[in-house]
Amino acid sequence: MLDLHKNQRHDDLQPASKNTVGVLHRAWWVLAATPLAFIAAVLVGNGLLSVQGYDPDSDESIPLGHALLAGIPATLLLIAPAMVAIILGRRAIDRGEPRGKVPVVIGAFVVLYAVATAALGLMF
């Protein structure tokens, strides 16, 4: 008898490949760099405000244009690791590793929180 199913691959029964697990590990390592990105974002944001002649620790009002010139690069620096974690997590999911959903969800939360906090900081 000829077995037609002998050479078929069953993705749900196969363990994830080494490359897929590597992508997932990279997603976690990049996500773990978020606290370092936060420190860098604070330093860059405060440095850009100082270059523009404002003291970041004072209570004086900073014009919107100057706040955006410092806030946008700082926010992008803060969300960069989370965005990379989302991309790598999605790549792991696409390659059959369902555990990639966790870094995607955490990365999305970090991005949404950082953007919301930056936007609210400009409003109030």
PDB file of N, CA and C in Angstrom:
ATOM      1  N   MET A   1       0.825  -1.185   0.000  1.00  0.00           N
ATOM      2  CA  MET A   1       0.000   0.000   0.000  1.00  0.00           C
ATOM      3  C   MET A   1       0.872   1.253   0.000  1.00  0.00           C
ATOM      4  N   LEU A   2       0.385   2.237  -0.620  1.00  0.00           N
ATOM      5  CA  LEU A   2       1.064   3.516  -0.711  1.00  0.00           C
ATOM      6  C   LEU A   2       0.551   4.439   0.388  1.00  0.00           C
ATOM      7  N   ASP A   3       1.451   4.932   1.200  1.00  0.00           N
ATOM      8  CA  ASP A   3       1.060   5.833   2.282  1.00  0.00           C
ATOM      9  C   ASP A   3       1.274   7.270   1.808  1.00  0.00           C
ATOM     10  N   LEU A   4       0.184   7.974   1.545  1.00  0.00           N
ATOM     11  CA  LEU A   4       0.267   9.335   1.035  1.00  0.00           C
ATOM     12  C   LEU A   4       0.640  10.343   2.122  1.00  0.00           C
ATOM     13  N   HIS A   5       0.427   9.993   3.365  1.00  0.00           N
ATOM     14  CA  HIS A   5       0.672  10.933   4.454  1.00  0.00           C
ATOM     15  C   HIS A   5       2.055  10.793   5.066  1.00  0.00           C
ATOM     16  N   LYS A   6       2.848   9.912   4.544  1.00  0.00           N
ATOM     17  CA  LYS A   6       4.144   9.620   5.129  1.00  0.00           C
ATOM     18  C   LYS A   6       5.087  10.818   5.100  1.00  0.00           C
ATOM     19  N   ASN A   7       5.095  11.563   4.023  1.00  0.00           N
ATOM     20  CA  ASN A   7       6.030  12.671   3.877  1.00  0.00           C
ATOM     21  C   ASN A   7       5.412  14.028   4.195  1.00  0.00           C
ATOM     22  N   GLN A   8       4.166  14.050   4.624  1.00  0.00           N
ATOM     23  CA  GLN A   8       3.539  15.318   4.948  1.00  0.00           C
ATOM     24  C   GLN A   8       4.007  15.795   6.315  1.00  0.00           C
ATOM     25  N   ARG A   9       4.171  17.091   6.416  1.00  0.00           N
ATOM     26  CA  ARG A   9       4.616  17.687   7.672  1.00  0.00           C
ATOM     27  C   ARG A   9       3.406  18.193   8.429  1.00  0.00           C
ATOM     28  N   HIS A  10       3.328  17.871   9.683  1.00  0.00           N
ATOM     29  CA  HIS A  10       2.255  18.352  10.538  1.00  0.00           C
ATOM     30  C   HIS A  10       2.832  19.433  11.446  1.00  0.00           C
ATOM     31  N   ASP A  11       2.526  20.707  11.124  1.00  0.00           N
ATOM     32  CA  ASP A  11       3.105  21.817  11.876  1.00  0.00           C
ATOM     33  C   ASP A  11       2.709  21.811  13.346  1.00  0.00           C
ATOM     34  N   ASP A  12       1.503  21.352  13.639  1.00  0.00           N
ATOM     35  CA  ASP A  12       1.078  21.380  15.028  1.00  0.00           C
ATOM     36  C   ASP A  12       1.734  20.291  15.860  1.00  0.00           C
ATOM     37  N   LEU A  13       2.324  19.301  15.222  1.00  0.00           N
ATOM     38  CA  LEU A  13       2.973  18.223  15.955  1.00  0.00           C
ATOM     39  C   LEU A  13       4.488  18.393  16.007  1.00  0.00           C
ATOM     40  N   GLN A  14       5.025  19.228  15.158  1.00  0.00           N
ATOM     41  CA  GLN A  14       6.470  19.402  15.082  1.00  0.00           C
ATOM     42  C   GLN A  14       6.924  20.435  16.110  1.00  0.00           C
ATOM     43  N   PRO A  15       8.049  20.183  16.784  1.00  0.00           N
ATOM     44  CA  PRO A  15       8.575  21.208  17.682  1.00  0.00           C
ATOM     45  C   PRO A  15       9.111  22.385  16.862  1.00  0.00           C
ATOM     46  N   ALA A  16       9.183  23.531  17.500  1.00  0.00           N
ATOM     47  CA  ALA A  16       9.688  24.716  16.821  1.00  0.00           C
ATOM     48  C   ALA A  16      11.149  24.503  16.441  1.00  0.00           C
ATOM     49  N   SER A  17      11.529  25.041  15.291  1.00  0.00           N
ATOM     50  CA  SER A  17      12.907  24.882  14.851  1.00  0.00           C
ATOM     51  C   SER A  17      13.843  25.730  15.709  1.00  0.00           C
ATOM     52  N   LYS A  18      15.116  25.429  15.622  1.00  0.00           N
ATOM     53  CA  LYS A  18      16.111  26.163  16.398  1.00  0.00           C
ATOM     54  C   LYS A  18      16.128  27.637  16.000  1.00  0.00           C
ATOM     55  N   ASN A  19      15.944  27.922  14.722  1.00  0.00           N
ATOM     56  CA  ASN A  19      15.919  29.293  14.245  1.00  0.00           C
ATOM     57  C   ASN A  19      14.731  30.051  14.817  1.00  0.00           C
ATOM     58  N   THR A  20      13.591  29.386  14.902  1.00  0.00           N
ATOM     59  CA  THR A  20      12.394  30.025  15.445  1.00  0.00           C
ATOM     60  C   THR A  20      12.581  30.341  16.924  1.00  0.00           C
ATOM     61  N   VAL A  21      13.156  29.416  17.660  1.00  0.00           N
ATOM     62  CA  VAL A  21      13.412  29.652  19.079  1.00  0.00           C
ATOM     63  C   VAL A  21      14.421  30.785  19.241  1.00  0.00           C
ATOM     64  N   GLY A  22      15.386  30.873  18.328  1.00  0.00           N
ATOM     65  CA  GLY A  22      16.349  31.970  18.367  1.00  0.00           C
ATOM     66  C   GLY A  22      15.686  33.319  18.169  1.00  0.00           C
ATOM     67  N   VAL A  23      14.722  33.385  17.278  1.00  0.00           N
ATOM     68  CA  VAL A  23      13.984  34.627  17.062  1.00  0.00           C
ATOM     69  C   VAL A  23      13.227  34.999  18.330  1.00  0.00           C
ATOM     70  N   LEU A  24      12.610  34.008  18.951  1.00  0.00           N
ATOM     71  CA  LEU A  24      11.874  34.261  20.186  1.00  0.00           C
ATOM     72  C   LEU A  24      12.805  34.745  21.297  1.00  0.00           C
ATOM     73  N   HIS A  25      13.974  34.133  21.410  1.00  0.00           N
ATOM     74  CA  HIS A  25      14.940  34.568  22.425  1.00  0.00           C
ATOM     75  C   HIS A  25      15.413  35.994  22.168  1.00  0.00           C
ATOM     76  N   ARG A  26      15.639  36.326  20.907  1.00  0.00           N
ATOM     77  CA  ARG A  26      16.039  37.702  20.582  1.00  0.00           C
ATOM     78  C   ARG A  26      14.944  38.685  20.947  1.00  0.00           C
ATOM     79  N   ALA A  27      13.687  38.301  20.740  1.00  0.00           N
ATOM     80  CA  ALA A  27      12.566  39.180  21.116  1.00  0.00           C
ATOM     81  C   ALA A  27      12.594  39.464  22.618  1.00  0.00           C
ATOM     82  N   TRP A  28      12.857  38.438  23.412  1.00  0.00           N
ATOM     83  CA  TRP A  28      12.919  38.635  24.862  1.00  0.00           C
ATOM     84  C   TRP A  28      14.124  39.479  25.265  1.00  0.00           C
ATOM     85  N   TRP A  29      15.281  39.252  24.637  1.00  0.00           N
ATOM     86  CA  TRP A  29      16.463  40.040  24.982  1.00  0.00           C
ATOM     87  C   TRP A  29      16.276  41.508  24.628  1.00  0.00           C
ATOM     88  N   VAL A  30      15.667  41.753  23.477  1.00  0.00           N
ATOM     89  CA  VAL A  30      15.428  43.141  23.084  1.00  0.00           C
ATOM     90  C   VAL A  30      14.438  43.792  24.040  1.00  0.00           C
ATOM     91  N   LEU A  31      13.422  43.056  24.418  1.00  0.00           N
ATOM     92  CA  LEU A  31      12.437  43.588  25.364  1.00  0.00           C
ATOM     93  C   LEU A  31      13.076  43.871  26.724  1.00  0.00           C
ATOM     94  N   ALA A  32      14.032  43.049  27.105  1.00  0.00           N
ATOM     95  CA  ALA A  32      14.739  43.263  28.369  1.00  0.00           C
ATOM     96  C   ALA A  32      15.586  44.535  28.346  1.00  0.00           C
ATOM     97  N   ALA A  33      15.874  45.059  27.164  1.00  0.00           N
ATOM     98  CA  ALA A  33      16.657  46.288  27.049  1.00  0.00           C
ATOM     99  C   ALA A  33      15.802  47.544  27.244  1.00  0.00           C
ATOM    100  N   THR A  34      14.511  47.393  27.464  1.00  0.00           N
ATOM    101  CA  THR A  34      13.619  48.547  27.622  1.00  0.00           C
ATOM    102  C   THR A  34      14.040  49.460  28.781  1.00  0.00           C
ATOM    103  N   PRO A  35      14.428  48.941  29.950  1.00  0.00           N
ATOM    104  CA  PRO A  35      14.880  49.868  31.004  1.00  0.00           C
ATOM    105  C   PRO A  35      16.098  50.695  30.598  1.00  0.00           C
ATOM    106  N   LEU A  36      17.002  50.100  29.836  1.00  0.00           N
ATOM    107  CA  LEU A  36      18.152  50.869  29.345  1.00  0.00           C
ATOM    108  C   LEU A  36      17.706  51.940  28.359  1.00  0.00           C
ATOM    109  N   ALA A  37      16.728  51.596  27.534  1.00  0.00           N
ATOM    110  CA  ALA A  37      16.190  52.578  26.589  1.00  0.00           C
ATOM    111  C   ALA A  37      15.502  53.715  27.333  1.00  0.00           C
ATOM    112  N   PHE A  38      14.850  53.401  28.456  1.00  0.00           N
ATOM    113  CA  PHE A  38      14.211  54.440  29.256  1.00  0.00           C
ATOM    114  C   PHE A  38      15.252  55.423  29.789  1.00  0.00           C
ATOM    115  N   ILE A  39      16.346  54.891  30.317  1.00  0.00           N
ATOM    116  CA  ILE A  39      17.413  55.758  30.839  1.00  0.00           C
ATOM    117  C   ILE A  39      17.982  56.624  29.724  1.00  0.00           C
ATOM    118  N   ALA A  40      18.234  56.006  28.568  1.00  0.00           N
ATOM    119  CA  ALA A  40      18.763  56.764  27.432  1.00  0.00           C
ATOM    120  C   ALA A  40      17.769  57.825  26.973  1.00  0.00           C
ATOM    121  N   ALA A  41      16.469  57.498  26.961  1.00  0.00           N
ATOM    122  CA  ALA A  41      15.457  58.455  26.524  1.00  0.00           C
ATOM    123  C   ALA A  41      15.389  59.654  27.460  1.00  0.00           C
ATOM    124  N   VAL A  42      15.478  59.426  28.759  1.00  0.00           N
ATOM    125  CA  VAL A  42      15.464  60.538  29.717  1.00  0.00           C
ATOM    126  C   VAL A  42      16.687  61.418  29.513  1.00  0.00           C
ATOM    127  N   LEU A  43      17.849  60.802  29.345  1.00  0.00           N
ATOM    128  CA  LEU A  43      19.072  61.588  29.139  1.00  0.00           C
ATOM    129  C   LEU A  43      19.013  62.393  27.847  1.00  0.00           C
ATOM    130  N   VAL A  44      18.541  61.756  26.768  1.00  0.00           N
ATOM    131  CA  VAL A  44      18.444  62.456  25.485  1.00  0.00           C
ATOM    132  C   VAL A  44      17.407  63.575  25.556  1.00  0.00           C
ATOM    133  N   GLY A  45      16.242  63.294  26.128  1.00  0.00           N
ATOM    134  CA  GLY A  45      15.203  64.324  26.239  1.00  0.00           C
ATOM    135  C   GLY A  45      15.665  65.513  27.060  1.00  0.00           C
ATOM    136  N   ASN A  46      16.268  65.245  28.216  1.00  0.00           N
ATOM    137  CA  ASN A  46      16.783  66.348  29.046  1.00  0.00           C
ATOM    138  C   ASN A  46      17.925  67.072  28.357  1.00  0.00           C
ATOM    139  N   GLY A  47      18.773  66.332  27.668  1.00  0.00           N
ATOM    140  CA  GLY A  47      19.876  66.975  26.939  1.00  0.00           C
ATOM    141  C   GLY A  47      19.381  67.876  25.822  1.00  0.00           C
ATOM    142  N   LEU A  48      18.374  67.421  25.090  1.00  0.00           N
ATOM    143  CA  LEU A  48      17.831  68.253  24.018  1.00  0.00           C
ATOM    144  C   LEU A  48      17.127  69.495  24.564  1.00  0.00           C
ATOM    145  N   LEU A  49      16.477  69.369  25.710  1.00  0.00           N
ATOM    146  CA  LEU A  49      15.884  70.564  26.327  1.00  0.00           C
ATOM    147  C   LEU A  49      16.975  71.529  26.782  1.00  0.00           C
ATOM    148  N   SER A  50      18.050  71.004  27.343  1.00  0.00           N
ATOM    149  CA  SER A  50      19.149  71.856  27.801  1.00  0.00           C
ATOM    150  C   SER A  50      19.820  72.572  26.640  1.00  0.00           C
ATOM    151  N   VAL A  51      19.990  71.881  25.530  1.00  0.00           N
ATOM    152  CA  VAL A  51      20.597  72.496  24.345  1.00  0.00           C
ATOM    153  C   VAL A  51      19.742  73.659  23.844  1.00  0.00           C
ATOM    154  N   GLN A  52      18.437  73.542  24.013  1.00  0.00           N
ATOM    155  CA  GLN A  52      17.533  74.600  23.581  1.00  0.00           C
ATOM    156  C   GLN A  52      17.424  75.733  24.603  1.00  0.00           C
ATOM    157  N   GLY A  53      18.118  75.602  25.742  1.00  0.00           N
ATOM    158  CA  GLY A  53      18.154  76.675  26.728  1.00  0.00           C
ATOM    159  C   GLY A  53      17.143  76.547  27.848  1.00  0.00           C
ATOM    160  N   TYR A  54      16.549  75.378  28.016  1.00  0.00           N
ATOM    161  CA  TYR A  54      15.567  75.174  29.082  1.00  0.00           C
ATOM    162  C   TYR A  54      16.134  74.216  30.128  1.00  0.00           C
ATOM    163  N   ASP A  55      15.781  74.493  31.363  1.00  0.00           N
ATOM    164  CA  ASP A  55      16.177  73.601  32.452  1.00  0.00           C
ATOM    165  C   ASP A  55      15.068  72.564  32.628  1.00  0.00           C
ATOM    166  N   PRO A  56      15.357  71.279  32.385  1.00  0.00           N
ATOM    167  CA  PRO A  56      14.314  70.251  32.487  1.00  0.00           C
ATOM    168  C   PRO A  56      13.726  70.111  33.889  1.00  0.00           C
ATOM    169  N   ASP A  57      14.468  70.542  34.914  1.00  0.00           N
ATOM    170  CA  ASP A  57      14.005  70.391  36.294  1.00  0.00           C
ATOM    171  C   ASP A  57      13.219  71.588  36.799  1.00  0.00           C
ATOM    172  N   SER A  58      13.158  72.657  36.018  1.00  0.00           N
ATOM    173  CA  SER A  58      12.444  73.847  36.482  1.00  0.00           C
ATOM    174  C   SER A  58      10.951  73.719  36.193  1.00  0.00           C
ATOM    175  N   ASP A  59      10.190  74.600  36.803  1.00  0.00           N
ATOM    176  CA  ASP A  59       8.737  74.601  36.630  1.00  0.00           C
ATOM    177  C   ASP A  59       8.282  75.537  35.511  1.00  0.00           C
ATOM    178  N   GLU A  60       9.227  76.161  34.815  1.00  0.00           N
ATOM    179  CA  GLU A  60       8.832  77.083  33.758  1.00  0.00           C
ATOM    180  C   GLU A  60       8.185  76.332  32.591  1.00  0.00           C
ATOM    181  N   SER A  61       7.269  76.990  31.946  1.00  0.00           N
ATOM    182  CA  SER A  61       6.548  76.393  30.826  1.00  0.00           C
ATOM    183  C   SER A  61       7.447  76.363  29.590  1.00  0.00           C
ATOM    184  N   ILE A  62       7.457  75.221  28.928  1.00  0.00           N
ATOM    185  CA  ILE A  62       8.270  75.056  27.720  1.00  0.00           C
ATOM    186  C   ILE A  62       7.331  75.125  26.522  1.00  0.00           C
ATOM    187  N   PRO A  63       7.643  75.965  25.531  1.00  0.00           N
ATOM    188  CA  PRO A  63       6.772  76.045  24.351  1.00  0.00           C
ATOM    189  C   PRO A  63       6.629  74.679  23.667  1.00  0.00           C
ATOM    190  N   LEU A  64       5.478  74.474  23.047  1.00  0.00           N
ATOM    191  CA  LEU A  64       5.153  73.180  22.456  1.00  0.00           C
ATOM    192  C   LEU A  64       6.195  72.739  21.426  1.00  0.00           C
ATOM    193  N   GLY A  65       6.631  73.622  20.572  1.00  0.00           N
ATOM    194  CA  GLY A  65       7.607  73.265  19.547  1.00  0.00           C
ATOM    195  C   GLY A  65       8.907  72.758  20.138  1.00  0.00           C
ATOM    196  N   HIS A  66       9.377  73.410  21.196  1.00  0.00           N
ATOM    197  CA  HIS A  66      10.616  72.990  21.850  1.00  0.00           C
ATOM    198  C   HIS A  66      10.417  71.661  22.593  1.00  0.00           C
ATOM    199  N   ALA A  67       9.240  71.501  23.190  1.00  0.00           N
ATOM    200  CA  ALA A  67       8.954  70.236  23.878  1.00  0.00           C
ATOM    201  C   ALA A  67       8.902  69.082  22.881  1.00  0.00           C
ATOM    202  N   LEU A  68       8.336  69.336  21.710  1.00  0.00           N
ATOM    203  CA  LEU A  68       8.274  68.285  20.684  1.00  0.00           C
ATOM    204  C   LEU A  68       9.661  67.950  20.142  1.00  0.00           C
ATOM    205  N   LEU A  69      10.510  68.968  19.991  1.00  0.00           N
ATOM    206  CA  LEU A  69      11.869  68.714  19.504  1.00  0.00           C
ATOM    207  C   LEU A  69      12.659  67.831  20.458  1.00  0.00           C
ATOM    208  N   ALA A  70      12.350  67.893  21.730  1.00  0.00           N
ATOM    209  CA  ALA A  70      13.027  67.029  22.693  1.00  0.00           C
ATOM    210  C   ALA A  70      12.247  65.736  22.931  1.00  0.00           C
ATOM    211  N   GLY A  71      10.928  65.815  22.916  1.00  0.00           N
ATOM    212  CA  GLY A  71      10.099  64.671  23.279  1.00  0.00           C
ATOM    213  C   GLY A  71       9.990  63.598  22.221  1.00  0.00           C
ATOM    214  N   ILE A  72       9.930  63.995  20.964  1.00  0.00           N
ATOM    215  CA  ILE A  72       9.762  62.994  19.900  1.00  0.00           C
ATOM    216  C   ILE A  72      10.979  62.063  19.806  1.00  0.00           C
ATOM    217  N   PRO A  73      12.215  62.591  19.739  1.00  0.00           N
ATOM    218  CA  PRO A  73      13.359  61.657  19.700  1.00  0.00           C
ATOM    219  C   PRO A  73      13.458  60.799  20.960  1.00  0.00           C
ATOM    220  N   ALA A  74      13.148  61.382  22.121  1.00  0.00           N
ATOM    221  CA  ALA A  74      13.212  60.610  23.361  1.00  0.00           C
ATOM    222  C   ALA A  74      12.174  59.488  23.359  1.00  0.00           C
ATOM    223  N   THR A  75      10.972  59.788  22.890  1.00  0.00           N
ATOM    224  CA  THR A  75       9.921  58.770  22.842  1.00  0.00           C
ATOM    225  C   THR A  75      10.274  57.675  21.835  1.00  0.00           C
ATOM    226  N   LEU A  76      10.807  58.050  20.690  1.00  0.00           N
ATOM    227  CA  LEU A  76      11.219  57.047  19.703  1.00  0.00           C
ATOM    228  C   LEU A  76      12.317  56.146  20.248  1.00  0.00           C
ATOM    229  N   LEU A  77      13.225  56.735  20.992  1.00  0.00           N
ATOM    230  CA  LEU A  77      14.288  55.937  21.608  1.00  0.00           C
ATOM    231  C   LEU A  77      13.722  54.975  22.646  1.00  0.00           C
ATOM    232  N   LEU A  78      12.708  55.423  23.378  1.00  0.00           N
ATOM    233  CA  LEU A  78      12.095  54.580  24.398  1.00  0.00           C
ATOM    234  C   LEU A  78      11.324  53.407  23.786  1.00  0.00           C
ATOM    235  N   ILE A  79      10.615  53.646  22.695  1.00  0.00           N
ATOM    236  CA  ILE A  79       9.775  52.581  22.137  1.00  0.00           C
ATOM    237  C   ILE A  79      10.519  51.677  21.151  1.00  0.00           C
ATOM    238  N   ALA A  80      11.736  52.018  20.781  1.00  0.00           N
ATOM    239  CA  ALA A  80      12.477  51.226  19.795  1.00  0.00           C
ATOM    240  C   ALA A  80      12.627  49.753  20.193  1.00  0.00           C
ATOM    241  N   PRO A  81      13.066  49.428  21.417  1.00  0.00           N
ATOM    242  CA  PRO A  81      13.186  48.005  21.757  1.00  0.00           C
ATOM    243  C   PRO A  81      11.840  47.277  21.737  1.00  0.00           C
ATOM    244  N   ALA A  82      10.794  47.947  22.174  1.00  0.00           N
ATOM    245  CA  ALA A  82       9.474  47.317  22.179  1.00  0.00           C
ATOM    246  C   ALA A  82       8.993  47.050  20.757  1.00  0.00           C
ATOM    247  N   MET A  83       9.260  47.969  19.854  1.00  0.00           N
ATOM    248  CA  MET A  83       8.866  47.763  18.456  1.00  0.00           C
ATOM    249  C   MET A  83       9.628  46.589  17.842  1.00  0.00           C
ATOM    250  N   VAL A  84      10.908  46.487  18.138  1.00  0.00           N
ATOM    251  CA  VAL A  84      11.699  45.359  17.632  1.00  0.00           C
ATOM    252  C   VAL A  84      11.190  44.050  18.234  1.00  0.00           C
ATOM    253  N   ALA A  85      10.819  44.071  19.512  1.00  0.00           N
ATOM    254  CA  ALA A  85      10.267  42.872  20.152  1.00  0.00           C
ATOM    255  C   ALA A  85       8.950  42.460  19.499  1.00  0.00           C
ATOM    256  N   ILE A  86       8.135  43.428  19.117  1.00  0.00           N
ATOM    257  CA  ILE A  86       6.879  43.121  18.420  1.00  0.00           C
ATOM    258  C   ILE A  86       7.172  42.457  17.079  1.00  0.00           C
ATOM    259  N   ILE A  87       8.115  43.009  16.343  1.00  0.00           N
ATOM    260  CA  ILE A  87       8.466  42.450  15.031  1.00  0.00           C
ATOM    261  C   ILE A  87       9.011  41.031  15.175  1.00  0.00           C
ATOM    262  N   LEU A  88       9.924  40.829  16.119  1.00  0.00           N
ATOM    263  CA  LEU A  88      10.504  39.500  16.306  1.00  0.00           C
ATOM    264  C   LEU A  88       9.474  38.510  16.846  1.00  0.00           C
ATOM    265  N   GLY A  89       8.604  38.958  17.725  1.00  0.00           N
ATOM    266  CA  GLY A  89       7.546  38.089  18.227  1.00  0.00           C
ATOM    267  C   GLY A  89       6.591  37.660  17.132  1.00  0.00           C
ATOM    268  N   ARG A  90       6.230  38.599  16.252  1.00  0.00           N
ATOM    269  CA  ARG A  90       5.371  38.264  15.110  1.00  0.00           C
ATOM    270  C   ARG A  90       6.081  37.283  14.175  1.00  0.00           C
ATOM    271  N   ARG A  91       7.373  37.472  13.993  1.00  0.00           N
ATOM    272  CA  ARG A  91       8.140  36.561  13.144  1.00  0.00           C
ATOM    273  C   ARG A  91       8.131  35.149  13.735  1.00  0.00           C
ATOM    274  N   ALA A  92       8.269  35.047  15.053  1.00  0.00           N
ATOM    275  CA  ALA A  92       8.227  33.741  15.703  1.00  0.00           C
ATOM    276  C   ALA A  92       6.847  33.106  15.549  1.00  0.00           C
ATOM    277  N   ILE A  93       5.792  33.898  15.688  1.00  0.00           N
ATOM    278  CA  ILE A  93       4.432  33.381  15.510  1.00  0.00           C
ATOM    279  C   ILE A  93       4.248  32.879  14.084  1.00  0.00           C
ATOM    280  N   ASP A  94       4.723  33.665  13.121  1.00  0.00           N
ATOM    281  CA  ASP A  94       4.589  33.268  11.715  1.00  0.00           C
ATOM    282  C   ASP A  94       5.345  31.975  11.410  1.00  0.00           C
ATOM    283  N   ARG A  95       6.381  31.702  12.183  1.00  0.00           N
ATOM    284  CA  ARG A  95       7.161  30.476  11.971  1.00  0.00           C
ATOM    285  C   ARG A  95       6.647  29.307  12.812  1.00  0.00           C
ATOM    286  N   GLY A  96       5.513  29.508  13.471  1.00  0.00           N
ATOM    287  CA  GLY A  96       4.889  28.410  14.185  1.00  0.00           C
ATOM    288  C   GLY A  96       5.159  28.341  15.671  1.00  0.00           C
ATOM    289  N   GLU A  97       5.653  29.402  16.255  1.00  0.00           N
ATOM    290  CA  GLU A  97       5.935  29.417  17.694  1.00  0.00           C
ATOM    291  C   GLU A  97       4.893  30.298  18.390  1.00  0.00           C
ATOM    292  N   PRO A  98       3.878  29.694  19.007  1.00  0.00           N
ATOM    293  CA  PRO A  98       2.808  30.500  19.625  1.00  0.00           C
ATOM    294  C   PRO A  98       3.272  31.315  20.824  1.00  0.00           C
ATOM    295  N   ARG A  99       4.408  30.963  21.424  1.00  0.00           N
ATOM    296  CA  ARG A  99       4.903  31.739  22.566  1.00  0.00           C
ATOM    297  C   ARG A  99       5.366  33.132  22.154  1.00  0.00           C
ATOM    298  N   GLY A 100       5.440  33.397  20.861  1.00  0.00           N
ATOM    299  CA  GLY A 100       5.810  34.725  20.395  1.00  0.00           C
ATOM    300  C   GLY A 100       4.768  35.778  20.715  1.00  0.00           C
ATOM    301  N   LYS A 101       3.566  35.348  21.099  1.00  0.00           N
ATOM    302  CA  LYS A 101       2.499  36.305  21.426  1.00  0.00           C
ATOM    303  C   LYS A 101       2.834  37.120  22.672  1.00  0.00           C
ATOM    304  N   VAL A 102       3.551  36.525  23.601  1.00  0.00           N
ATOM    305  CA  VAL A 102       3.834  37.223  24.862  1.00  0.00           C
ATOM    306  C   VAL A 102       4.705  38.456  24.645  1.00  0.00           C
ATOM    307  N   PRO A 103       5.851  38.375  23.945  1.00  0.00           N
ATOM    308  CA  PRO A 103       6.607  39.607  23.704  1.00  0.00           C
ATOM    309  C   PRO A 103       5.851  40.615  22.844  1.00  0.00           C
ATOM    310  N   VAL A 104       4.972  40.123  21.964  1.00  0.00           N
ATOM    311  CA  VAL A 104       4.169  41.042  21.150  1.00  0.00           C
ATOM    312  C   VAL A 104       3.242  41.854  22.048  1.00  0.00           C
ATOM    313  N   VAL A 105       2.563  41.199  22.968  1.00  0.00           N
ATOM    314  CA  VAL A 105       1.624  41.889  23.853  1.00  0.00           C
ATOM    315  C   VAL A 105       2.359  42.839  24.793  1.00  0.00           C
ATOM    316  N   ILE A 106       3.460  42.390  25.373  1.00  0.00           N
ATOM    317  CA  ILE A 106       4.228  43.256  26.280  1.00  0.00           C
ATOM    318  C   ILE A 106       4.800  44.442  25.520  1.00  0.00           C
ATOM    319  N   GLY A 107       5.343  44.198  24.329  1.00  0.00           N
ATOM    320  CA  GLY A 107       5.884  45.290  23.520  1.00  0.00           C
ATOM    321  C   GLY A 107       4.815  46.294  23.138  1.00  0.00           C
ATOM    322  N   ALA A 108       3.638  45.813  22.770  1.00  0.00           N
ATOM    323  CA  ALA A 108       2.542  46.714  22.413  1.00  0.00           C
ATOM    324  C   ALA A 108       2.119  47.555  23.616  1.00  0.00           C
ATOM    325  N   PHE A 109       2.078  46.935  24.803  1.00  0.00           N
ATOM    326  CA  PHE A 109       1.736  47.685  26.009  1.00  0.00           C
ATOM    327  C   PHE A 109       2.766  48.776  26.277  1.00  0.00           C
ATOM    328  N   VAL A 110       4.048  48.452  26.144  1.00  0.00           N
ATOM    329  CA  VAL A 110       5.104  49.441  26.376  1.00  0.00           C
ATOM    330  C   VAL A 110       4.972  50.602  25.396  1.00  0.00           C
ATOM    331  N   VAL A 111       4.729  50.297  24.123  1.00  0.00           N
ATOM    332  CA  VAL A 111       4.588  51.352  23.116  1.00  0.00           C
ATOM    333  C   VAL A 111       3.388  52.236  23.432  1.00  0.00           C
ATOM    334  N   LEU A 112       2.236  51.628  23.694  1.00  0.00           N
ATOM    335  CA  LEU A 112       1.031  52.413  23.987  1.00  0.00           C
ATOM    336  C   LEU A 112       1.204  53.255  25.243  1.00  0.00           C
ATOM    337  N   TYR A 113       1.803  52.680  26.273  1.00  0.00           N
ATOM    338  CA  TYR A 113       2.015  53.417  27.513  1.00  0.00           C
ATOM    339  C   TYR A 113       2.969  54.602  27.301  1.00  0.00           C
ATOM    340  N   ALA A 114       4.063  54.366  26.586  1.00  0.00           N
ATOM    341  CA  ALA A 114       5.041  55.441  26.360  1.00  0.00           C
ATOM    342  C   ALA A 114       4.447  56.570  25.534  1.00  0.00           C
ATOM    343  N   VAL A 115       3.714  56.234  24.499  1.00  0.00           N
ATOM    344  CA  VAL A 115       3.124  57.269  23.644  1.00  0.00           C
ATOM    345  C   VAL A 115       2.034  58.021  24.409  1.00  0.00           C
ATOM    346  N   ALA A 116       1.205  57.303  25.163  1.00  0.00           N
ATOM    347  CA  ALA A 116       0.147  57.962  25.932  1.00  0.00           C
ATOM    348  C   ALA A 116       0.735  58.880  27.003  1.00  0.00           C
ATOM    349  N   THR A 117       1.773  58.410  27.673  1.00  0.00           N
ATOM    350  CA  THR A 117       2.406  59.229  28.705  1.00  0.00           C
ATOM    351  C   THR A 117       3.028  60.478  28.107  1.00  0.00           C
ATOM    352  N   ALA A 118       3.683  60.346  26.974  1.00  0.00           N
ATOM    353  CA  ALA A 118       4.295  61.509  26.318  1.00  0.00           C
ATOM    354  C   ALA A 118       3.227  62.489  25.855  1.00  0.00           C
ATOM    355  N   ALA A 119       2.137  61.985  25.289  1.00  0.00           N
ATOM    356  CA  ALA A 119       1.067  62.858  24.814  1.00  0.00           C
ATOM    357  C   ALA A 119       0.382  63.580  25.979  1.00  0.00           C
ATOM    358  N   LEU A 120       0.110  62.850  27.051  1.00  0.00           N
ATOM    359  CA  LEU A 120      -0.514  63.477  28.213  1.00  0.00           C
ATOM    360  C   LEU A 120       0.405  64.488  28.864  1.00  0.00           C
ATOM    361  N   GLY A 121       1.702  64.217  28.826  1.00  0.00           N
ATOM    362  CA  GLY A 121       2.665  65.173  29.359  1.00  0.00           C
ATOM    363  C   GLY A 121       2.682  66.492  28.600  1.00  0.00           C
ATOM    364  N   LEU A 122       2.391  66.438  27.319  1.00  0.00           N
ATOM    365  CA  LEU A 122       2.332  67.659  26.516  1.00  0.00           C
ATOM    366  C   LEU A 122       1.028  68.420  26.757  1.00  0.00           C
ATOM    367  N   MET A 123      -0.033  67.680  27.086  1.00  0.00           N
ATOM    368  CA  MET A 123      -1.335  68.332  27.284  1.00  0.00           C
ATOM    369  C   MET A 123      -1.450  69.030  28.628  1.00  0.00           C
ATOM    370  N   PHE A 124      -0.817  68.474  29.642  1.00  0.00           N
ATOM    371  CA  PHE A 124      -1.017  69.032  30.991  1.00  0.00           C
ATOM    372  C   PHE A 124       0.252  69.584  31.542  1.00  0.00           C
TER     373      PHE A 124
END
